[in-house]
Protein backbone atom coordinates (compact mmCIF):
# COMPACT_ATOMS: atom_id res chain seq x y z
CA TYR A 1 96.18 99.83 134.69
CA PRO A 2 96.34 98.94 130.97
CA ASN A 3 99.56 97.01 131.65
CA LEU A 4 98.05 95.15 134.58
CA ALA A 5 94.88 94.42 132.60
CA LEU A 6 96.93 92.16 130.32
CA ILE A 7 98.52 90.08 133.06
CA PRO A 8 95.70 87.53 133.65
CA ALA A 9 95.43 86.79 129.91
CA LEU A 10 99.22 86.53 129.56
CA LYS A 11 99.42 84.15 132.52
CA LYS A 12 96.72 81.95 130.96
CA GLU A 13 99.08 81.46 128.01
CA GLY A 14 101.81 80.26 130.38
CA ASN A 15 103.93 83.42 130.34
CA ASP A 16 106.08 84.54 133.26
CA ILE A 17 105.56 88.26 133.84
CA VAL A 18 108.18 90.68 135.13
CA TYR A 19 107.10 94.30 135.60
CA VAL A 20 109.51 97.23 135.44
CA GLY A 21 108.24 100.49 136.91
CA GLY A 22 109.32 103.54 138.88
CA ASP A 23 111.40 103.72 142.06
CA GLY A 24 109.82 104.07 145.48
CA ASP A 25 106.51 102.98 146.99
CA THR A 26 104.55 103.52 143.78
CA LEU A 27 100.95 102.54 143.06
CA GLU A 28 102.08 100.14 140.33
CA LYS A 29 104.45 98.42 142.75
CA ARG A 30 101.66 97.92 145.30
CA LEU A 31 99.32 96.58 142.60
CA CYS A 32 101.99 94.19 141.31
CA ASN A 33 102.59 92.90 144.84
CA ASN A 34 98.85 92.27 145.20
CA LEU A 35 98.90 90.27 141.96
CA GLY A 36 102.05 88.34 142.87
CA VAL A 37 103.96 89.85 139.94
CA GLU A 38 107.75 90.23 140.16
CA TYR A 39 108.59 93.95 140.24
CA HIS A 40 111.81 95.80 139.38
CA SER A 41 112.35 99.55 139.38
CA VAL A 42 114.29 102.12 137.40
CA PRO A 43 114.93 105.74 138.42
CA ALA A 44 112.91 108.14 136.28
CA VAL A 45 111.89 111.79 136.20
CA LYS A 46 108.79 112.97 134.41
CA PHE A 47 109.21 115.92 132.03
CA VAL A 48 107.18 118.85 133.37
CA ARG A 49 105.82 121.28 130.77
CA GLY A 50 106.02 125.02 131.26
CA PHE A 51 108.60 127.56 132.36
CA SER A 52 107.92 127.77 136.08
CA VAL A 53 110.79 127.49 138.57
CA LYS A 54 109.39 124.13 139.69
CA ALA A 55 109.36 122.83 136.10
CA LEU A 56 112.89 124.03 135.39
CA LEU A 57 114.29 122.55 138.61
CA ASN A 58 112.60 119.25 137.80
CA ASN A 59 113.68 119.08 134.15
CA VAL A 60 117.32 119.94 134.78
CA LYS A 61 117.62 116.60 136.65
CA ILE A 62 116.45 114.53 133.67
CA PRO A 63 119.83 114.00 131.87
CA PHE A 64 121.54 112.89 135.09
CA VAL A 65 118.72 110.52 136.05
CA MET A 66 118.58 109.11 132.50
CA VAL A 67 122.24 108.01 132.72
CA LYS A 68 121.36 105.96 135.81
CA SER A 69 118.11 104.74 134.24
CA PHE A 70 119.82 103.51 131.09
CA ALA A 71 122.48 101.67 133.11
CA ARG A 72 119.79 100.06 135.30
CA GLY A 73 117.71 99.12 132.26
CA LYS A 74 120.66 97.49 130.54
CA LYS A 75 121.57 95.53 133.67
CA LEU A 76 117.98 94.37 134.14
CA LEU A 77 117.70 93.11 130.57
CA LYS A 78 120.97 91.23 130.91
CA THR A 79 119.82 89.65 134.19
CA LEU A 80 116.23 88.88 133.16
CA SER A 81 116.89 88.00 129.50
CA PRO A 82 113.24 88.53 128.47
CA ASP A 83 111.72 87.04 125.32
CA VAL A 84 109.81 90.25 124.59
CA ILE A 85 109.39 93.77 126.02
CA PHE A 86 105.92 95.35 126.11
CA ALA A 87 106.31 99.11 126.65
CA LYS A 88 103.23 101.16 127.46
CA GLY A 89 104.97 104.47 126.77
CA GLY A 90 105.79 107.11 129.35
CA TYR A 91 109.02 108.20 130.93
CA VAL A 92 109.44 105.06 133.06
CA SER A 93 109.51 102.79 129.99
CA LEU A 94 112.22 104.82 128.22
CA PRO A 95 115.26 103.07 129.81
CA LEU A 96 114.04 99.67 128.58
CA VAL A 97 113.16 101.04 125.15
CA LEU A 98 116.64 102.59 124.80
CA SER A 99 118.45 99.43 125.89
CA HIS A 100 116.26 96.73 124.31
CA GLY A 101 119.00 95.65 121.84
CA LYS A 102 117.86 92.55 119.93
CA THR A 103 114.97 91.80 122.28
CA PRO A 104 111.63 92.14 120.40
CA LEU A 105 109.95 95.40 121.40
CA ILE A 106 106.22 96.16 121.32
CA CYS A 107 105.14 99.75 122.07
CA HIS A 108 101.52 100.52 122.88
CA GLU A 109 100.18 104.07 122.46
CA SER A 110 96.85 105.02 124.05
CA ASP A 111 96.70 108.55 122.64
CA LEU A 112 96.37 109.99 119.14
CA THR A 113 100.01 111.10 118.93
CA LEU A 114 102.99 109.05 120.06
CA GLY A 115 104.64 110.05 123.32
CA LEU A 116 108.42 110.53 123.40
CA ALA A 117 109.20 106.98 124.60
CA ASN A 118 107.07 105.45 121.85
CA LYS A 119 108.55 107.77 119.21
CA ILE A 120 111.99 106.52 120.20
CA GLY A 121 110.68 102.95 120.27
CA LYS A 122 109.39 103.34 116.73
CA VAL A 123 112.74 104.67 115.48
CA MET A 124 114.47 101.73 117.15
CA GLY A 125 112.31 99.20 115.32
CA GLY A 126 109.56 98.51 117.84
CA LYS A 127 106.12 97.44 116.64
CA ILE A 128 103.57 100.19 117.34
CA LEU A 129 100.12 99.23 118.63
CA THR A 130 97.54 102.01 118.77
CA SER A 131 94.21 102.88 120.35
CA ASN A 132 93.10 105.54 117.90
CA PRO A 133 92.24 104.71 114.27
CA MET A 134 93.97 107.93 113.18
CA THR A 135 97.36 106.85 114.60
CA LYS A 136 99.81 104.99 112.35
CA GLY A 137 100.39 101.45 113.58
CA GLU A 138 98.27 98.39 114.31
CA MET A 139 95.00 99.48 115.92
CA VAL A 140 94.07 97.25 118.87
CA GLY A 141 92.44 99.52 121.46
CA VAL A 142 93.17 100.07 125.15
CA PRO A 143 93.51 97.01 127.43
CA ILE A 144 90.60 96.81 129.91
CA ARG A 145 90.64 95.05 133.29
CA GLU A 146 88.21 92.16 133.09
CA ASP A 147 87.13 92.67 136.72
CA LEU A 148 85.53 96.00 135.76
CA LEU A 149 83.13 94.28 133.38
CA SER A 150 81.64 91.68 135.69
CA VAL A 151 80.34 93.62 138.72
CA ASP A 152 76.63 93.33 139.55
CA ARG A 153 75.03 96.74 140.05
CA ASP A 154 72.67 95.76 142.88
CA THR A 155 75.41 93.88 144.76
CA ALA A 156 77.76 96.88 144.46
CA ARG A 157 75.07 99.29 145.68
CA LYS A 158 74.39 97.08 148.69
CA LYS A 159 78.13 96.92 149.46
CA LEU A 160 78.41 100.72 149.30
CA ASN A 161 75.14 101.26 151.20
CA ILE A 162 73.50 103.11 148.31
CA SER A 163 69.78 102.73 147.69
CA LYS A 164 68.57 101.14 144.44
CA THR A 165 66.47 104.26 143.81
CA ASP A 166 69.28 106.82 144.23
CA THR A 167 70.75 108.45 141.13
CA VAL A 168 74.53 108.27 141.44
CA LEU A 169 77.10 110.67 139.98
CA LEU A 170 80.67 109.34 139.95
CA VAL A 171 83.40 111.99 139.66
CA VAL A 172 86.89 110.77 138.67
CA GLY A 173 89.53 113.49 138.70
CA GLY A 174 92.52 111.26 138.11
CA SER A 175 95.85 111.12 139.92
CA SER A 176 96.91 114.46 138.44
CA GLY A 177 95.17 117.50 137.08
CA ALA A 178 92.09 117.12 139.27
CA SER A 179 92.24 120.56 140.88
CA ALA A 180 89.78 122.29 138.52
CA ILE A 181 87.26 119.45 138.84
CA ASN A 182 87.67 119.28 142.62
CA LYS A 183 87.02 123.01 142.97
CA ALA A 184 83.97 122.88 140.70
CA ILE A 185 82.47 119.96 142.63
CA ASN A 186 83.08 121.70 145.95
CA ASP A 187 81.44 124.87 144.67
CA LYS A 188 78.37 123.03 143.33
CA ILE A 189 78.07 120.17 145.84
CA ASN A 190 74.93 121.46 147.58
CA LEU A 191 73.17 121.79 144.23
CA LEU A 192 74.41 118.41 142.96
CA THR A 193 73.37 116.46 146.07
CA LYS A 194 69.74 117.57 145.65
CA LYS A 195 69.58 115.20 142.66
CA TYR A 196 72.55 112.82 143.04
CA VAL A 197 74.49 110.76 145.50
CA VAL A 198 77.97 112.04 144.58
CA LEU A 199 80.94 109.67 144.71
CA HIS A 200 84.02 111.85 144.27
CA LEU A 201 87.52 110.42 143.65
CA TYR A 202 89.55 113.57 144.23
CA GLY A 203 93.14 112.22 144.36
CA LYS A 204 95.62 112.75 147.14
CA LYS A 205 95.63 116.53 146.93
CA PRO A 206 97.02 118.38 149.98
CA ASP A 207 95.39 121.60 148.77
CA PHE A 208 91.87 120.12 148.67
CA THR A 209 89.49 119.66 151.60
CA PRO A 210 86.12 118.11 150.64
CA LYS A 211 83.01 119.67 152.14
CA LYS A 212 81.02 117.58 154.61
CA THR A 213 77.43 117.20 153.49
CA ASP A 214 74.78 114.52 153.08
CA ARG A 215 74.76 112.35 149.94
CA TYR A 216 78.41 113.25 149.22
CA ILE A 217 81.10 110.57 149.51
CA PRO A 218 84.61 111.98 148.85
CA LEU A 219 87.38 109.40 148.37
CA PRO A 220 91.12 110.17 147.91
CA TYR A 221 91.68 106.83 146.18
CA ALA A 222 89.74 103.64 145.44
CA ASP A 223 90.86 100.13 144.55
CA ASN A 224 87.27 99.04 143.85
CA MET A 225 86.65 100.89 140.60
CA GLY A 226 84.44 98.07 139.35
CA ASP A 227 82.00 98.73 142.19
CA LEU A 228 82.09 102.51 141.67
CA TYR A 229 81.47 102.21 137.93
CA ALA A 230 78.68 99.66 138.51
CA VAL A 231 76.68 101.86 140.90
CA SER A 232 76.99 105.02 138.80
CA ASP A 233 74.26 106.40 136.55
CA VAL A 234 76.46 109.14 135.09
CA VAL A 235 80.23 109.67 135.25
CA LEU A 236 82.24 112.90 135.18
CA SER A 237 85.86 112.21 134.27
CA ARG A 238 89.09 113.54 132.88
CA ALA A 239 89.65 112.39 129.30
CA GLY A 240 92.61 110.09 129.82
CA ALA A 241 92.72 107.31 127.23
CA THR A 242 92.12 104.58 129.80
CA ALA A 243 89.13 106.37 131.33
CA VAL A 244 87.58 106.93 127.89
CA ALA A 245 88.12 103.27 126.95
CA GLU A 246 86.73 101.93 130.24
CA LEU A 247 83.59 104.08 130.14
CA SER A 248 83.01 103.10 126.52
CA ALA A 249 83.49 99.38 127.31
CA LEU A 250 81.02 99.69 130.20
CA GLU A 251 78.60 101.72 128.04
CA LYS A 252 78.24 104.43 130.68
CA LYS A 253 76.76 107.90 130.34
CA ALA A 254 79.92 109.99 130.51
CA LEU A 255 80.89 113.67 130.56
CA PHE A 256 84.61 114.33 129.96
CA ILE A 257 86.62 117.38 131.04
CA PRO A 258 89.94 117.11 129.17
CA LEU A 259 93.15 118.58 130.53
CA PRO A 260 93.91 121.72 128.50
CA LYS A 261 96.97 121.92 126.29
CA GLY A 262 99.93 123.21 128.25
CA THR A 263 98.96 121.24 131.34
CA SER A 264 99.45 118.17 129.14
CA ARG A 265 100.71 117.69 125.57
CA GLY A 266 97.11 117.97 124.37
CA ASP A 267 96.39 114.24 124.27
CA GLN A 268 93.24 114.53 126.38
CA LEU A 269 91.74 116.98 123.89
CA ASP A 270 92.25 114.34 121.18
CA ASN A 271 90.79 111.64 123.43
CA ALA A 272 87.73 113.81 124.04
CA ILE A 273 87.12 114.15 120.29
CA LEU A 274 87.26 110.36 119.95
CA ALA A 275 84.91 109.93 122.93
CA LYS A 276 82.35 112.23 121.30
CA LYS A 277 82.24 109.96 118.25
CA TYR A 278 81.10 107.14 120.52
CA GLY A 279 78.47 109.04 122.48
CA GLY A 280 80.52 110.71 125.21
CA ARG A 281 79.95 114.37 126.00
CA VAL A 282 82.70 116.96 126.48
CA LEU A 283 82.93 120.04 128.70
CA TYR A 284 86.04 122.22 128.55
CA GLU A 285 87.54 123.89 131.63
CA SER A 286 86.58 127.31 130.27
CA GLU A 287 82.93 126.20 130.40
CA MET A 288 82.81 125.00 134.02
CA LYS A 289 79.93 127.36 134.86
CA ARG A 290 77.71 124.95 132.91
CA LEU A 291 78.85 121.91 134.92
CA VAL A 292 75.56 120.99 136.61
CA HIS A 293 73.53 121.57 133.44
CA GLU A 294 75.93 119.38 131.42
CA ILE A 295 75.83 116.57 133.99
CA ASP A 296 72.02 116.63 133.92
CA LYS A 297 72.05 116.69 130.10
CA THR A 298 74.44 113.71 129.97
CA LEU A 299 72.14 111.74 132.27
CA SER A 300 69.20 112.37 129.92
CA LEU A 301 71.01 111.05 126.81
CA PRO A 302 71.94 107.50 125.66
CA PRO A 303 75.17 105.94 127.00
CA MET A 304 78.46 105.59 125.17
CA ARG A 305 78.92 102.87 122.56
CA LYS A 306 81.75 100.36 122.66
CA MET A 307 84.92 101.46 120.84
CA PHE A 308 86.96 98.25 120.84
CA SER A 309 86.54 94.49 120.92
CA ASP A 310 88.90 91.91 122.44
CA THR A 311 91.81 94.34 122.88
CA ASN A 312 93.44 92.16 125.55
CA GLY A 313 93.21 89.07 123.33
CA LYS A 314 94.70 90.86 120.32
CA ILE A 315 97.68 92.15 122.30
CA VAL A 316 98.33 88.80 123.96
CA GLU A 317 98.29 87.16 120.52
CA ILE A 318 100.81 89.69 119.16
CA ILE A 319 103.07 89.18 122.18
CA GLY A 320 102.79 85.40 121.74
CA ASP A 321 103.71 85.63 118.06
CA SER A 322 106.82 87.68 118.91
CA ILE A 323 107.92 85.11 121.49
CA ARG A 324 107.45 82.23 119.06
CA THR A 325 109.35 83.91 116.21
CA GLY A 326 112.02 85.56 118.36
CA ASP A 327 111.88 88.60 116.12
CA LEU A 328 109.38 91.31 115.45
CA CYS A 329 108.66 93.51 112.51
CA LYS A 330 111.83 95.57 112.65
CA ASN A 331 111.19 97.66 109.55
CA LYS A 332 110.60 101.35 110.08
CA LYS A 333 107.03 101.36 108.76
CA HIS A 334 105.58 100.37 112.17
């Protein structure tokens, strides 16, 4: 989503956009098709933390897949001959980062600490853009989709058939790591629906079956996040960097449940600390018994304050400068 948030502003400047993502029928591929953006894929395997059999079987494939990924990345760059590469980090961007050669490289990091792909990008001379003032690099913030910021609350409520007088709780578990939140919502749904209409984005989880009850609207996925944010009075969310940035930009009342370290590399714990500085509230998985109380408390307090200003514009300007100069800050300080 941060990548796609930049596309309208980049197109306004006359840029041709080519998106490189993962193989298969991925969400990013479908979104690119909807936007009319040329899409190419590279094979990639995500590193799974832990020592389970599933993790080990997954991770043993990484070196073999990376050989194919690097070859595909090199071929793509030769064919496309881009003026600049914007890498958002993550395992899918690594083949392009490794094979960027003399093409100017910009790496954007949403979290406090650099992910592996961005660490490699930094070593290879890429310019590092950051979203956390404590991270070394040029602080710009997280790109936000403009369509999220312009939705009328009353229009969205009418569209979703929600009364103007209802208090709405939006629950966003995320595409991964939603199991603990899903279970907690299921356990407390009868209590929650006494006070709230509950919109619950639970992810495509085969192990989760939402309860059927009044004033509860479970959704596996939504492509109308602007509407869902607009109708909500309070939001319960994982503490991914994009979620924190979006809820801050929208000045929502937000309660974050960060993924614990081990399940992730700990980045959501850092994001949660940053969110607290701007008025977000934090509940850890070990404290889930207090879920309903914390949601009610969050509703009673002021909303989050805005963290960033004109992130999209800043990044587009940096990309434009790199295209005009044909080179980009290749010293190792960035």
